[in-house]
Each structure stands twice: as structure tokens, then as C-alpha cells.
Amino acid sequence: VHWVANASANNSTGFTALGSGFYYDGYMYFRQQTYFWTSTISGGDYKAYTMNAYNSEIVESSVSNYSNTRFSLRCVKD
């Protein structure tokens, strides 16, 4: 995750995530964070991963109100 100017960013993984933010009753966190749905459901909640632009932190989150939430999708060829 390196869409904000960051001298220590090197894209060593080869995956560049862009700060798309998310939609929930309006767009939020554009160019600050990005969220990706996972295929995991746990306890009735869908899981999503959050990436923060400022510290490259990756966090797994539960999303209970998924029908009103819009996150990015990343397709991975198996």
C-alpha cells in the first residue's frame, strides 16, 4: 500500500492497493484507506480486510451491515 508519498515504500509484494475508501451512506476515506471483501463468513458476519495508507497496517474486520456497505473486490486466479 503506497499511494501516499512514502520514502520507505518499495512495493516488494508486487501488489499496489489504491486508496479507494468505501461507501456507506456516502463515500469515506478516499485516498486514505482501502477495504477488500474476503470470502469468509463467521457468525453471520462477512469479513473484510482494511489497509491504512499511513502505516500500511492490515486489519481483518467483521462487517454485519454488509448489504449497505460497498468495498473493493480483488479477484485472485486459483
PDB file of N, CA and C in Angstrom:
ATOM      1  N   VAL A   1       0.865  -1.166   0.000  1.00  0.00           N
ATOM      2  CA  VAL A   1       0.000   0.000   0.000  1.00  0.00           C
ATOM      3  C   VAL A   1       0.906   1.221   0.000  1.00  0.00           C
ATOM      4  N   HIS A   2       0.964   1.911  -1.105  1.00  0.00           N
ATOM      5  CA  HIS A   2       1.843   3.084  -1.109  1.00  0.00           C
ATOM      6  C   HIS A   2       1.340   4.162  -2.059  1.00  0.00           C
ATOM      7  N   TRP A   3       0.094   4.561  -1.880  1.00  0.00           N
ATOM      8  CA  TRP A   3      -0.447   5.616  -2.743  1.00  0.00           C
ATOM      9  C   TRP A   3      -0.173   7.008  -2.191  1.00  0.00           C
ATOM     10  N   VAL A   4       0.288   7.088  -0.962  1.00  0.00           N
ATOM     11  CA  VAL A   4       0.698   8.364  -0.381  1.00  0.00           C
ATOM     12  C   VAL A   4       2.220   8.413  -0.469  1.00  0.00           C
ATOM     13  N   ALA A   5       2.775   9.555  -0.827  1.00  0.00           N
ATOM     14  CA  ALA A   5       4.233   9.661  -0.935  1.00  0.00           C
ATOM     15  C   ALA A   5       4.889   9.142   0.336  1.00  0.00           C
ATOM     16  N   ASN A   6       5.747   8.154   0.195  1.00  0.00           N
ATOM     17  CA  ASN A   6       6.347   7.491   1.335  1.00  0.00           C
ATOM     18  C   ASN A   6       7.719   6.986   0.894  1.00  0.00           C
ATOM     19  N   ALA A   7       8.774   7.566   1.421  1.00  0.00           N
ATOM     20  CA  ALA A   7      10.132   7.218   1.001  1.00  0.00           C
ATOM     21  C   ALA A   7      10.483   5.770   1.299  1.00  0.00           C
ATOM     22  N   SER A   8       9.844   5.149   2.282  1.00  0.00           N
ATOM     23  CA  SER A   8      10.188   3.775   2.638  1.00  0.00           C
ATOM     24  C   SER A   8       9.365   2.743   1.869  1.00  0.00           C
ATOM     25  N   ALA A   9       8.420   3.179   1.048  1.00  0.00           N
ATOM     26  CA  ALA A   9       7.605   2.237   0.269  1.00  0.00           C
ATOM     27  C   ALA A   9       8.431   1.649  -0.862  1.00  0.00           C
ATOM     28  N   ASN A  10       8.295   0.334  -1.077  1.00  0.00           N
ATOM     29  CA  ASN A  10       9.073  -0.292  -2.141  1.00  0.00           C
ATOM     30  C   ASN A  10       8.255  -1.272  -2.991  1.00  0.00           C
ATOM     31  N   ASN A  11       6.998  -1.489  -2.658  1.00  0.00           N
ATOM     32  CA  ASN A  11       6.128  -2.403  -3.397  1.00  0.00           C
ATOM     33  C   ASN A  11       6.758  -3.783  -3.545  1.00  0.00           C
ATOM     34  N   SER A  12       7.377  -4.272  -2.488  1.00  0.00           N
ATOM     35  CA  SER A  12       8.069  -5.561  -2.516  1.00  0.00           C
ATOM     36  C   SER A  12       7.129  -6.730  -2.784  1.00  0.00           C
ATOM     37  N   THR A  13       5.847  -6.563  -2.507  1.00  0.00           N
ATOM     38  CA  THR A  13       4.895  -7.651  -2.753  1.00  0.00           C
ATOM     39  C   THR A  13       4.420  -7.686  -4.197  1.00  0.00           C
ATOM     40  N   GLY A  14       4.584  -6.588  -4.916  1.00  0.00           N
ATOM     41  CA  GLY A  14       4.100  -6.525  -6.289  1.00  0.00           C
ATOM     42  C   GLY A  14       2.619  -6.220  -6.385  1.00  0.00           C
ATOM     43  N   PHE A  15       1.975  -5.979  -5.273  1.00  0.00           N
ATOM     44  CA  PHE A  15       0.549  -5.656  -5.256  1.00  0.00           C
ATOM     45  C   PHE A  15       0.380  -4.217  -4.798  1.00  0.00           C
ATOM     46  N   THR A  16      -0.168  -3.384  -5.644  1.00  0.00           N
ATOM     47  CA  THR A  16      -0.391  -1.984  -5.312  1.00  0.00           C
ATOM     48  C   THR A  16      -1.868  -1.770  -5.028  1.00  0.00           C
ATOM     49  N   ALA A  17      -2.192  -1.438  -3.802  1.00  0.00           N
ATOM     50  CA  ALA A  17      -3.575  -1.132  -3.430  1.00  0.00           C
ATOM     51  C   ALA A  17      -3.750   0.376  -3.493  1.00  0.00           C
ATOM     52  N   LEU A  18      -4.832   0.806  -4.069  1.00  0.00           N
ATOM     53  CA  LEU A  18      -5.126   2.231  -4.150  1.00  0.00           C
ATOM     54  C   LEU A  18      -6.158   2.603  -3.102  1.00  0.00           C
ATOM     55  N   GLY A  19      -6.064   3.799  -2.591  1.00  0.00           N
ATOM     56  CA  GLY A  19      -6.964   4.256  -1.528  1.00  0.00           C
ATOM     57  C   GLY A  19      -8.345   4.572  -2.051  1.00  0.00           C
ATOM     58  N   SER A  20      -9.120   3.538  -2.277  1.00  0.00           N
ATOM     59  CA  SER A  20     -10.456   3.717  -2.853  1.00  0.00           C
ATOM     60  C   SER A  20     -11.492   4.091  -1.809  1.00  0.00           C
ATOM     61  N   GLY A  21     -11.140   3.955  -0.527  1.00  0.00           N
ATOM     62  CA  GLY A  21     -12.120   4.217   0.519  1.00  0.00           C
ATOM     63  C   GLY A  21     -13.232   3.190   0.475  1.00  0.00           C
ATOM     64  N   PHE A  22     -14.417   3.591   0.915  1.00  0.00           N
ATOM     65  CA  PHE A  22     -15.572   2.702   0.851  1.00  0.00           C
ATOM     66  C   PHE A  22     -16.837   3.536   0.836  1.00  0.00           C
ATOM     67  N   TYR A  23     -17.947   2.882   0.571  1.00  0.00           N
ATOM     68  CA  TYR A  23     -19.234   3.567   0.538  1.00  0.00           C
ATOM     69  C   TYR A  23     -20.126   3.012   1.633  1.00  0.00           C
ATOM     70  N   TYR A  24     -20.604   3.882   2.490  1.00  0.00           N
ATOM     71  CA  TYR A  24     -21.627   3.540   3.477  1.00  0.00           C
ATOM     72  C   TYR A  24     -22.354   4.836   3.794  1.00  0.00           C
ATOM     73  N   ASP A  25     -23.484   5.033   3.170  1.00  0.00           N
ATOM     74  CA  ASP A  25     -24.231   6.276   3.353  1.00  0.00           C
ATOM     75  C   ASP A  25     -23.412   7.475   2.879  1.00  0.00           C
ATOM     76  N   GLY A  26     -22.600   7.265   1.870  1.00  0.00           N
ATOM     77  CA  GLY A  26     -21.701   8.279   1.329  1.00  0.00           C
ATOM     78  C   GLY A  26     -20.290   7.733   1.278  1.00  0.00           C
ATOM     79  N   TYR A  27     -19.457   8.327   0.424  1.00  0.00           N
ATOM     80  CA  TYR A  27     -18.075   7.857   0.304  1.00  0.00           C
ATOM     81  C   TYR A  27     -17.237   8.351   1.469  1.00  0.00           C
ATOM     82  N   MET A  28     -16.332   7.477   1.937  1.00  0.00           N
ATOM     83  CA  MET A  28     -15.478   7.798   3.080  1.00  0.00           C
ATOM     84  C   MET A  28     -14.050   7.331   2.823  1.00  0.00           C
ATOM     85  N   TYR A  29     -13.086   8.016   3.381  1.00  0.00           N
ATOM     86  CA  TYR A  29     -11.672   7.637   3.427  1.00  0.00           C
ATOM     87  C   TYR A  29     -11.018   7.470   2.062  1.00  0.00           C
ATOM     88  N   PHE A  30     -11.477   8.221   1.052  1.00  0.00           N
ATOM     89  CA  PHE A  30     -10.841   8.164  -0.260  1.00  0.00           C
ATOM     90  C   PHE A  30      -9.390   8.616  -0.144  1.00  0.00           C
ATOM     91  N   ARG A  31      -8.487   7.869  -0.739  1.00  0.00           N
ATOM     92  CA  ARG A  31      -7.037   8.097  -0.688  1.00  0.00           C
ATOM     93  C   ARG A  31      -6.462   7.995   0.717  1.00  0.00           C
ATOM     94  N   GLN A  32      -7.178   7.383   1.626  1.00  0.00           N
ATOM     95  CA  GLN A  32      -6.675   7.183   2.983  1.00  0.00           C
ATOM     96  C   GLN A  32      -6.651   5.711   3.351  1.00  0.00           C
ATOM     97  N   GLN A  33      -7.705   5.008   3.017  1.00  0.00           N
ATOM     98  CA  GLN A  33      -7.799   3.589   3.352  1.00  0.00           C
ATOM     99  C   GLN A  33      -8.448   2.853   2.192  1.00  0.00           C
ATOM    100  N   THR A  34      -8.261   1.548   2.181  1.00  0.00           N
ATOM    101  CA  THR A  34      -8.979   0.724   1.219  1.00  0.00           C
ATOM    102  C   THR A  34      -9.452  -0.531   1.932  1.00  0.00           C
ATOM    103  N   TYR A  35     -10.516  -1.090   1.461  1.00  0.00           N
ATOM    104  CA  TYR A  35     -11.134  -2.254   2.081  1.00  0.00           C
ATOM    105  C   TYR A  35     -11.383  -3.290   1.004  1.00  0.00           C
ATOM    106  N   PHE A  36     -11.150  -4.550   1.323  1.00  0.00           N
ATOM    107  CA  PHE A  36     -11.399  -5.649   0.402  1.00  0.00           C
ATOM    108  C   PHE A  36     -12.257  -6.696   1.092  1.00  0.00           C
ATOM    109  N   TRP A  37     -13.293  -7.143   0.407  1.00  0.00           N
ATOM    110  CA  TRP A  37     -14.091  -8.252   0.917  1.00  0.00           C
ATOM    111  C   TRP A  37     -13.254  -9.523   0.898  1.00  0.00           C
ATOM    112  N   THR A  38     -13.512 -10.404   1.845  1.00  0.00           N
ATOM    113  CA  THR A  38     -12.956 -11.754   1.798  1.00  0.00           C
ATOM    114  C   THR A  38     -14.109 -12.701   1.508  1.00  0.00           C
ATOM    115  N   SER A  39     -13.810 -13.956   1.298  1.00  0.00           N
ATOM    116  CA  SER A  39     -14.866 -14.943   1.071  1.00  0.00           C
ATOM    117  C   SER A  39     -15.270 -15.620   2.376  1.00  0.00           C
ATOM    118  N   THR A  40     -14.798 -15.122   3.494  1.00  0.00           N
ATOM    119  CA  THR A  40     -15.038 -15.722   4.804  1.00  0.00           C
ATOM    120  C   THR A  40     -16.291 -15.151   5.462  1.00  0.00           C
ATOM    121  N   ILE A  41     -17.136 -16.039   5.965  1.00  0.00           N
ATOM    122  CA  ILE A  41     -18.286 -15.632   6.773  1.00  0.00           C
ATOM    123  C   ILE A  41     -18.102 -16.271   8.143  1.00  0.00           C
ATOM    124  N   SER A  42     -18.245 -15.496   9.199  1.00  0.00           N
ATOM    125  CA  SER A  42     -18.060 -16.004  10.548  1.00  0.00           C
ATOM    126  C   SER A  42     -19.151 -15.443  11.448  1.00  0.00           C
ATOM    127  N   GLY A  43     -19.958 -16.301  12.024  1.00  0.00           N
ATOM    128  CA  GLY A  43     -21.012 -15.854  12.929  1.00  0.00           C
ATOM    129  C   GLY A  43     -22.037 -14.965  12.255  1.00  0.00           C
ATOM    130  N   GLY A  44     -22.271 -15.168  10.966  1.00  0.00           N
ATOM    131  CA  GLY A  44     -23.252 -14.372  10.244  1.00  0.00           C
ATOM    132  C   GLY A  44     -22.704 -13.074   9.682  1.00  0.00           C
ATOM    133  N   ASP A  45     -21.467 -12.734  10.043  1.00  0.00           N
ATOM    134  CA  ASP A  45     -20.835 -11.514   9.542  1.00  0.00           C
ATOM    135  C   ASP A  45     -19.870 -11.855   8.418  1.00  0.00           C
ATOM    136  N   TYR A  46     -19.817 -10.994   7.431  1.00  0.00           N
ATOM    137  CA  TYR A  46     -18.807 -11.129   6.391  1.00  0.00           C
ATOM    138  C   TYR A  46     -17.513 -10.511   6.893  1.00  0.00           C
ATOM    139  N   LYS A  47     -16.409 -10.989   6.364  1.00  0.00           N
ATOM    140  CA  LYS A  47     -15.103 -10.457   6.756  1.00  0.00           C
ATOM    141  C   LYS A  47     -14.577  -9.541   5.664  1.00  0.00           C
ATOM    142  N   ALA A  48     -13.842  -8.539   6.067  1.00  0.00           N
ATOM    143  CA  ALA A  48     -13.188  -7.635   5.130  1.00  0.00           C
ATOM    144  C   ALA A  48     -11.806  -7.311   5.679  1.00  0.00           C
ATOM    145  N   TYR A  49     -10.890  -7.000   4.782  1.00  0.00           N
ATOM    146  CA  TYR A  49      -9.569  -6.548   5.183  1.00  0.00           C
ATOM    147  C   TYR A  49      -9.460  -5.058   4.933  1.00  0.00           C
ATOM    148  N   THR A  50      -8.882  -4.358   5.884  1.00  0.00           N
ATOM    149  CA  THR A  50      -8.688  -2.917   5.806  1.00  0.00           C
ATOM    150  C   THR A  50      -7.199  -2.632   5.651  1.00  0.00           C
ATOM    151  N   MET A  51      -6.853  -1.759   4.730  1.00  0.00           N
ATOM    152  CA  MET A  51      -5.469  -1.313   4.595  1.00  0.00           C
ATOM    153  C   MET A  51      -5.430   0.184   4.840  1.00  0.00           C
ATOM    154  N   ASN A  52      -4.525   0.599   5.702  1.00  0.00           N
ATOM    155  CA  ASN A  52      -4.392   2.006   6.054  1.00  0.00           C
ATOM    156  C   ASN A  52      -3.191   2.598   5.318  1.00  0.00           C
ATOM    157  N   ALA A  53      -3.383   3.713   4.659  1.00  0.00           N
ATOM    158  CA  ALA A  53      -2.332   4.323   3.834  1.00  0.00           C
ATOM    159  C   ALA A  53      -1.174   4.861   4.651  1.00  0.00           C
ATOM    160  N   TYR A  54      -1.418   5.231   5.873  1.00  0.00           N
ATOM    161  CA  TYR A  54      -0.398   5.939   6.625  1.00  0.00           C
ATOM    162  C   TYR A  54       0.608   5.031   7.306  1.00  0.00           C
ATOM    163  N   ASN A  55       0.208   3.833   7.674  1.00  0.00           N
ATOM    164  CA  ASN A  55       1.162   2.945   8.325  1.00  0.00           C
ATOM    165  C   ASN A  55       1.168   1.548   7.719  1.00  0.00           C
ATOM    166  N   SER A  56       0.488   1.360   6.603  1.00  0.00           N
ATOM    167  CA  SER A  56       0.418   0.075   5.896  1.00  0.00           C
ATOM    168  C   SER A  56      -0.127  -1.043   6.774  1.00  0.00           C
ATOM    169  N   GLU A  57      -0.877  -0.688   7.794  1.00  0.00           N
ATOM    170  CA  GLU A  57      -1.472  -1.680   8.679  1.00  0.00           C
ATOM    171  C   GLU A  57      -2.589  -2.418   7.947  1.00  0.00           C
ATOM    172  N   ILE A  58      -2.625  -3.743   8.094  1.00  0.00           N
ATOM    173  CA  ILE A  58      -3.680  -4.559   7.504  1.00  0.00           C
ATOM    174  C   ILE A  58      -4.452  -5.208   8.641  1.00  0.00           C
ATOM    175  N   VAL A  59      -5.755  -4.998   8.677  1.00  0.00           N
ATOM    176  CA  VAL A  59      -6.596  -5.460   9.775  1.00  0.00           C
ATOM    177  C   VAL A  59      -7.775  -6.231   9.208  1.00  0.00           C
ATOM    178  N   GLU A  60      -8.111  -7.361   9.821  1.00  0.00           N
ATOM    179  CA  GLU A  60      -9.320  -8.092   9.445  1.00  0.00           C
ATOM    180  C   GLU A  60     -10.476  -7.548  10.270  1.00  0.00           C
ATOM    181  N   SER A  61     -11.577  -7.238   9.616  1.00  0.00           N
ATOM    182  CA  SER A  61     -12.738  -6.659  10.284  1.00  0.00           C
ATOM    183  C   SER A  61     -13.974  -7.486   9.991  1.00  0.00           C
ATOM    184  N   SER A  62     -14.925  -7.487  10.920  1.00  0.00           N
ATOM    185  CA  SER A  62     -16.233  -8.090  10.679  1.00  0.00           C
ATOM    186  C   SER A  62     -17.184  -6.999  10.220  1.00  0.00           C
ATOM    187  N   VAL A  63     -18.023  -7.325   9.252  1.00  0.00           N
ATOM    188  CA  VAL A  63     -18.968  -6.356   8.710  1.00  0.00           C
ATOM    189  C   VAL A  63     -20.355  -6.963   8.812  1.00  0.00           C
ATOM    190  N   SER A  64     -21.175  -6.451   9.725  1.00  0.00           N
ATOM    191  CA  SER A  64     -22.504  -7.027   9.920  1.00  0.00           C
ATOM    192  C   SER A  64     -23.541  -6.389   9.013  1.00  0.00           C
ATOM    193  N   ASN A  65     -23.372  -5.130   8.670  1.00  0.00           N
ATOM    194  CA  ASN A  65     -24.347  -4.440   7.826  1.00  0.00           C
ATOM    195  C   ASN A  65     -23.841  -4.418   6.384  1.00  0.00           C
ATOM    196  N   TYR A  66     -23.542  -5.612   5.868  1.00  0.00           N
ATOM    197  CA  TYR A  66     -22.889  -5.722   4.572  1.00  0.00           C
ATOM    198  C   TYR A  66     -23.760  -5.313   3.399  1.00  0.00           C
ATOM    199  N   SER A  67     -25.075  -5.357   3.537  1.00  0.00           N
ATOM    200  CA  SER A  67     -25.937  -5.034   2.399  1.00  0.00           C
ATOM    201  C   SER A  67     -25.877  -3.549   2.040  1.00  0.00           C
ATOM    202  N   ASN A  68     -25.458  -2.696   2.970  1.00  0.00           N
ATOM    203  CA  ASN A  68     -25.358  -1.262   2.709  1.00  0.00           C
ATOM    204  C   ASN A  68     -23.920  -0.775   2.569  1.00  0.00           C
ATOM    205  N   THR A  69     -22.968  -1.692   2.604  1.00  0.00           N
ATOM    206  CA  THR A  69     -21.559  -1.330   2.587  1.00  0.00           C
ATOM    207  C   THR A  69     -20.936  -1.732   1.261  1.00  0.00           C
ATOM    208  N   ARG A  70     -20.173  -0.839   0.656  1.00  0.00           N
ATOM    209  CA  ARG A  70     -19.523  -1.116  -0.624  1.00  0.00           C
ATOM    210  C   ARG A  70     -18.013  -1.057  -0.450  1.00  0.00           C
ATOM    211  N   PHE A  71     -17.365  -2.210  -0.626  1.00  0.00           N
ATOM    212  CA  PHE A  71     -15.914  -2.313  -0.576  1.00  0.00           C
ATOM    213  C   PHE A  71     -15.406  -2.746  -1.940  1.00  0.00           C
ATOM    214  N   SER A  72     -14.105  -2.681  -2.116  1.00  0.00           N
ATOM    215  CA  SER A  72     -13.472  -3.141  -3.351  1.00  0.00           C
ATOM    216  C   SER A  72     -13.418  -4.663  -3.384  1.00  0.00           C
ATOM    217  N   LEU A  73     -13.285  -5.187  -4.587  1.00  0.00           N
ATOM    218  CA  LEU A  73     -13.080  -6.620  -4.786  1.00  0.00           C
ATOM    219  C   LEU A  73     -11.717  -6.833  -5.408  1.00  0.00           C
ATOM    220  N   ARG A  74     -11.058  -7.878  -4.998  1.00  0.00           N
ATOM    221  CA  ARG A  74      -9.800  -8.278  -5.630  1.00  0.00           C
ATOM    222  C   ARG A  74      -9.964  -9.720  -6.058  1.00  0.00           C
ATOM    223  N   CYS A  75      -9.896  -9.967  -7.331  1.00  0.00           N
ATOM    224  CA  CYS A  75     -10.042 -11.324  -7.862  1.00  0.00           C
ATOM    225  C   CYS A  75      -8.669 -11.973  -7.949  1.00  0.00           C
ATOM    226  N   VAL A  76      -8.584 -13.200  -7.445  1.00  0.00           N
ATOM    227  CA  VAL A  76      -7.331 -13.942  -7.452  1.00  0.00           C
ATOM    228  C   VAL A  76      -7.548 -15.214  -8.249  1.00  0.00           C
ATOM    229  N   LYS A  77      -6.730 -15.415  -9.263  1.00  0.00           N
ATOM    230  CA  LYS A  77      -6.833 -16.622 -10.077  1.00  0.00           C
ATOM    231  C   LYS A  77      -6.217 -17.776  -9.315  1.00  0.00           C
ATOM    232  N   ASP A  78      -6.964 -18.855  -9.178  1.00  0.00           N
ATOM    233  CA  ASP A  78      -6.512 -20.020  -8.424  1.00  0.00           C
ATOM    234  C   ASP A  78      -5.724 -20.963  -9.308  1.00  0.00           C
TER     235      ASP A  78
END
